[in-house]
C-alpha atoms as a PDB file:
ATOM      1  CA  MET A   1      11.003  10.730 -14.210  1.00  0.00           C
ATOM      2  CA  PRO A   2      12.433   7.342 -13.235  1.00  0.00           C
ATOM      3  CA  ASP A   3      14.486   9.000 -10.567  1.00  0.00           C
ATOM      4  CA  ILE A   4      11.347  10.205  -8.821  1.00  0.00           C
ATOM      5  CA  GLN A   5       9.765   6.810  -9.058  1.00  0.00           C
ATOM      6  CA  ASP A   6      12.881   5.115  -7.679  1.00  0.00           C
ATOM      7  CA  GLN A   7      12.962   7.588  -4.809  1.00  0.00           C
ATOM      8  CA  ILE A   8       9.326   7.069  -4.000  1.00  0.00           C
ATOM      9  CA  SER A   9       9.449   3.257  -4.328  1.00  0.00           C
ATOM     10  CA  LYS A  10      12.250   3.124  -1.755  1.00  0.00           C
ATOM     11  CA  GLN A  11      10.101   4.899   0.922  1.00  0.00           C
ATOM     12  CA  GLY A  12       7.496   3.381   3.156  1.00  0.00           C
ATOM     13  CA  ILE A  13       4.857   1.025   1.944  1.00  0.00           C
ATOM     14  CA  LEU A  14       6.148   0.811  -1.635  1.00  0.00           C
ATOM     15  CA  ASP A  15       9.496  -0.601  -0.451  1.00  0.00           C
ATOM     16  CA  PRO A  16       9.413  -4.406  -0.810  1.00  0.00           C
ATOM     17  CA  ALA A  17      11.564  -4.968   2.324  1.00  0.00           C
ATOM     18  CA  PHE A  18       9.084  -2.806   4.262  1.00  0.00           C
ATOM     19  CA  ARG A  19       6.174  -4.796   3.015  1.00  0.00           C
ATOM     20  CA  LYS A  20       7.878  -8.090   3.805  1.00  0.00           C
ATOM     21  CA  LYS A  21       8.557  -6.889   7.356  1.00  0.00           C
ATOM     22  CA  LYS A  22       4.960  -5.764   7.748  1.00  0.00           C
ATOM     23  CA  LEU A  23       3.661  -9.080   6.417  1.00  0.00           C
ATOM     24  CA  ARG A  24       5.892 -10.993   8.830  1.00  0.00           C
ATOM     25  CA  MET A  25       4.580  -8.891  11.745  1.00  0.00           C
ATOM     26  CA  TYR A  26       0.949  -9.516  10.517  1.00  0.00           C
ATOM     27  CA  LEU A  27       1.507 -13.323  10.522  1.00  0.00           C
ATOM     28  CA  ILE A  28       3.051 -13.219  14.056  1.00  0.00           C
ATOM     29  CA  ARG A  29       0.185 -11.071  15.289  1.00  0.00           C
ATOM     30  CA  THR A  30      -2.401 -13.378  13.699  1.00  0.00           C
ATOM     31  CA  ALA A  31      -0.691 -16.463  15.206  1.00  0.00           C
ATOM     32  CA  ILE A  32      -0.742 -14.881  18.648  1.00  0.00           C
ATOM     33  CA  ALA A  33      -4.414 -14.029  18.216  1.00  0.00           C
ATOM     34  CA  ILE A  34      -5.226 -17.611  17.182  1.00  0.00           C
ATOM     35  CA  ALA A  35      -3.348 -18.944  20.243  1.00  0.00           C
ATOM     36  CA  LEU A  36      -5.285 -16.495  22.528  1.00  0.00           C
ATOM     37  CA  TYR A  37      -8.629 -17.528  20.919  1.00  0.00           C
ATOM     38  CA  TRP A  38      -7.770 -21.214  21.361  1.00  0.00           C
ATOM     39  CA  THR A  39      -6.839 -20.651  24.992  1.00  0.00           C
ATOM     40  CA  PHE A  40      -9.796 -18.531  26.070  1.00  0.00           C
ATOM     41  CA  TRP A  41     -12.495 -19.959  23.785  1.00  0.00           C
ATOM     42  CA  SER A  42     -14.446 -21.218  26.839  1.00  0.00           C
ATOM     43  CA  VAL A  43     -14.923 -17.693  28.243  1.00  0.00           C
ATOM     44  CA  SER A  44     -18.495 -16.737  27.298  1.00  0.00           C
ATOM     45  CA  TRP A  45     -17.820 -13.457  25.438  1.00  0.00           C
ATOM     46  CA  VAL A  46     -14.601 -14.413  23.566  1.00  0.00           C
ATOM     47  CA  PRO A  47     -16.348 -16.082  20.563  1.00  0.00           C
ATOM     48  CA  TYR A  48     -18.293 -12.881  19.921  1.00  0.00           C
ATOM     49  CA  THR A  49     -15.080 -10.860  19.641  1.00  0.00           C
ATOM     50  CA  LEU A  50     -14.192 -12.904  16.576  1.00  0.00           C
ATOM     51  CA  TRP A  51     -16.867 -10.973  14.700  1.00  0.00           C
ATOM     52  CA  PHE A  52     -14.801  -7.824  15.268  1.00  0.00           C
ATOM     53  CA  TYR A  53     -11.335  -9.321  15.005  1.00  0.00           C
ATOM     54  CA  VAL A  54     -11.697 -11.072  11.643  1.00  0.00           C
ATOM     55  CA  PRO A  55     -12.735  -7.995   9.543  1.00  0.00           C
ATOM     56  CA  ILE A  56     -10.110  -5.805  11.189  1.00  0.00           C
ATOM     57  CA  ASN A  57      -7.487  -8.508  10.610  1.00  0.00           C
ATOM     58  CA  LEU A  58      -8.483  -8.876   6.915  1.00  0.00           C
ATOM     59  CA  LEU A  59      -8.446  -5.079   6.511  1.00  0.00           C
ATOM     60  CA  GLY A  60      -4.844  -5.071   7.806  1.00  0.00           C
ATOM     61  CA  LEU A  61      -3.897  -7.782   5.344  1.00  0.00           C
ATOM     62  CA  ALA A  62      -5.517  -5.794   2.514  1.00  0.00           C
ATOM     63  CA  MET A  63      -3.617  -2.723   3.514  1.00  0.00           C
ATOM     64  CA  ILE A  64      -0.348  -4.694   3.303  1.00  0.00           C
ATOM     65  CA  VAL A  65      -1.105  -6.440  -0.022  1.00  0.00           C
ATOM     66  CA  VAL A  66      -3.520  -4.297  -2.016  1.00  0.00           C
ATOM     67  CA  VAL A  67      -2.630  -0.706  -1.177  1.00  0.00           C
ATOM     68  CA  PRO A  68       0.922  -0.793  -2.579  1.00  0.00           C
ATOM     69  CA  ARG A  69      -0.408  -2.011  -5.942  1.00  0.00           C
ATOM     70  CA  PHE A  70      -3.040   0.692  -5.912  1.00  0.00           C
ATOM     71  CA  LEU A  71      -0.418   3.353  -5.080  1.00  0.00           C
ATOM     72  CA  GLU A  72       1.930   2.101  -7.832  1.00  0.00           C
ATOM     73  CA  SER A  73      -0.891   2.407 -10.448  1.00  0.00           C
ATOM     74  CA  LYS A  74      -1.646   5.917  -9.193  1.00  0.00           C
ATOM     75  CA  LEU A  75       2.075   6.748  -9.388  1.00  0.00           C
ATOM     76  CA  ARG A  76       2.248   5.521 -12.984  1.00  0.00           C
ATOM     77  CA  LYS A  77      -0.835   7.617 -13.940  1.00  0.00           C
ATOM     78  CA  ALA A  78       0.566  10.696 -12.278  1.00  0.00           C
ATOM     79  CA  GLU A  79       3.917  10.220 -14.045  1.00  0.00           C
ATOM     80  CA  ALA A  80       2.161   9.908 -17.415  1.00  0.00           C
ATOM     81  CA  ALA A  81       0.201  13.063 -16.724  1.00  0.00           C
ATOM     82  CA  MET A  82       3.394  14.895 -15.773  1.00  0.00           C
ATOM     83  CA  GLU A  83       5.111  13.752 -18.962  1.00  0.00           C
ATOM     84  CA  GLU A  84       2.127  14.817 -21.056  1.00  0.00           C
ATOM     85  CA  ALA A  85       2.127  18.244 -19.398  1.00  0.00           C
ATOM     86  CA  GLN A  86       5.857  18.579 -20.035  1.00  0.00           C
ATOM     87  CA  ALA A  87       5.384  17.639 -23.628  1.00  0.00           C
ATOM     88  CA  ILE A  88       2.646  20.329 -23.981  1.00  0.00           C
ATOM     89  CA  GLU A  89       4.934  22.893 -22.370  1.00  0.00           C
ATOM     90  CA  VAL A  90       7.718  22.062 -24.831  1.00  0.00           C
ATOM     91  CA  GLU A  91       5.372  22.388 -27.742  1.00  0.00           C
ATOM     92  CA  ALA A  92       4.154  25.680 -26.435  1.00  0.00           C
ATOM     93  CA  GLU A  93       7.686  26.982 -26.149  1.00  0.00           C
ATOM     94  CA  ILE A  94       8.418  25.843 -29.730  1.00  0.00           C
ATOM     95  CA  ILE A  95       5.310  27.697 -30.923  1.00  0.00           C
ATOM     96  CA  ASP A  96       6.365  30.814 -29.044  1.00  0.00           C
ATOM     97  CA  GLU A  97       9.817  30.713 -30.567  1.00  0.00           C
ATOM     98  CA  ASP A  98       8.264  30.488 -34.126  1.00  0.00           C
ATOM     99  CA  LYS A  99       6.349  33.689 -33.628  1.00  0.00           C
END
C-alpha cells in the first residue's frame, strides 16, 4: 500500500512543492491586493469590497493549508479500510481451502 500513497502524495495538492508554490502565489496575490487597496482606498466603493475580498482570501488560504491535511487523513482511513478488506479476503480464502 505504501506505493499507492507515495504515488498519490506526489500528485497535485498533496505534493509539498506544489503547496509551497501555491502558498507563494497566494502571498504575492495578497500583497498586490493590499497595494491596490492602499492606492484606491479614497474611492467611495473600494472599502466595501473588502467585505468580499477578506473571506474569499481566507478561504483560499484554508484550501492551501487545511485541505491537504484533511485529504491525508482520508487517505490513511481509506488505506486502513483496504488493508482490513484484504485481510478479510485472505481469511475467507483460508476458510474455503479448509473445507
